[in-house]
Protein backbone atom coordinates (compact mmCIF):
# COMPACT_ATOMS: atom_id res chain seq x y z
CA MET A 1 115.76 90.39 90.35
CA ALA A 2 118.06 89.70 93.32
CA ASP A 3 118.67 93.43 93.81
CA ASN A 4 114.95 94.06 94.41
CA THR A 5 114.84 93.28 98.15
CA MET A 6 112.40 94.48 100.76
CA SER A 7 113.19 94.78 104.45
CA MET A 8 110.46 93.88 106.91
CA PRO A 9 110.33 94.09 110.68
CA SER A 10 111.65 90.82 112.05
CA GLY A 11 108.78 90.29 114.49
CA PHE A 12 105.84 90.53 112.10
CA GLY A 13 106.94 89.29 108.67
CA GLY A 14 103.79 90.54 106.95
CA LEU A 15 101.34 88.99 109.40
CA MET A 16 98.40 91.10 110.52
CA ARG A 17 97.44 91.48 114.15
CA TYR A 18 93.66 91.35 114.07
CA ASN A 19 93.06 92.24 117.71
CA GLU A 20 94.42 95.75 117.09
CA GLU A 21 92.73 96.13 113.71
CA TYR A 22 89.04 95.63 114.58
CA ASN A 23 87.05 95.61 117.79
CA SER A 24 83.54 94.23 117.50
CA LYS A 25 80.64 95.65 119.49
CA LEU A 26 79.21 92.12 119.86
CA LYS A 27 81.35 89.95 122.10
CA PHE A 28 80.22 86.48 123.15
CA GLY A 29 82.05 84.06 125.37
CA PRO A 30 82.58 80.44 124.36
CA GLY A 31 79.79 79.25 126.65
CA ALA A 32 77.27 81.60 125.04
CA VAL A 33 78.24 80.38 121.56
CA VAL A 34 77.84 76.73 122.57
CA GLY A 35 74.49 77.56 124.19
CA MET A 36 73.24 79.27 121.02
CA ILE A 37 74.31 76.29 118.90
CA ILE A 38 72.51 73.85 121.20
CA ALA A 39 69.38 76.05 121.22
CA THR A 40 69.43 76.18 117.41
CA ILE A 41 69.75 72.39 117.17
CA ILE A 42 66.84 71.91 119.59
CA LEU A 43 64.75 74.41 117.62
CA VAL A 44 65.45 72.69 114.29
CA VAL A 45 64.75 69.21 115.68
CA GLY A 46 61.54 70.45 117.31
CA LEU A 47 60.31 72.09 114.10
CA ARG A 48 61.09 68.94 112.10
CA MET A 49 59.11 66.84 114.58
CA PHE A 50 56.19 69.27 114.62
CA TYR A 51 55.97 69.90 110.86
CA GLY A 52 57.18 66.46 109.95
């Protein structure tokens, strides 16, 4: 079992670099995400008040 060794590049060690793997067509900044969350919360609260 000790003879079965595998050499890996020292910099990566099996970790994947996601920024090179996949580029999404939809890119939102942090402010847009927070704005959408706040808008969703306001919508849900408004619907709960209206439909009770």
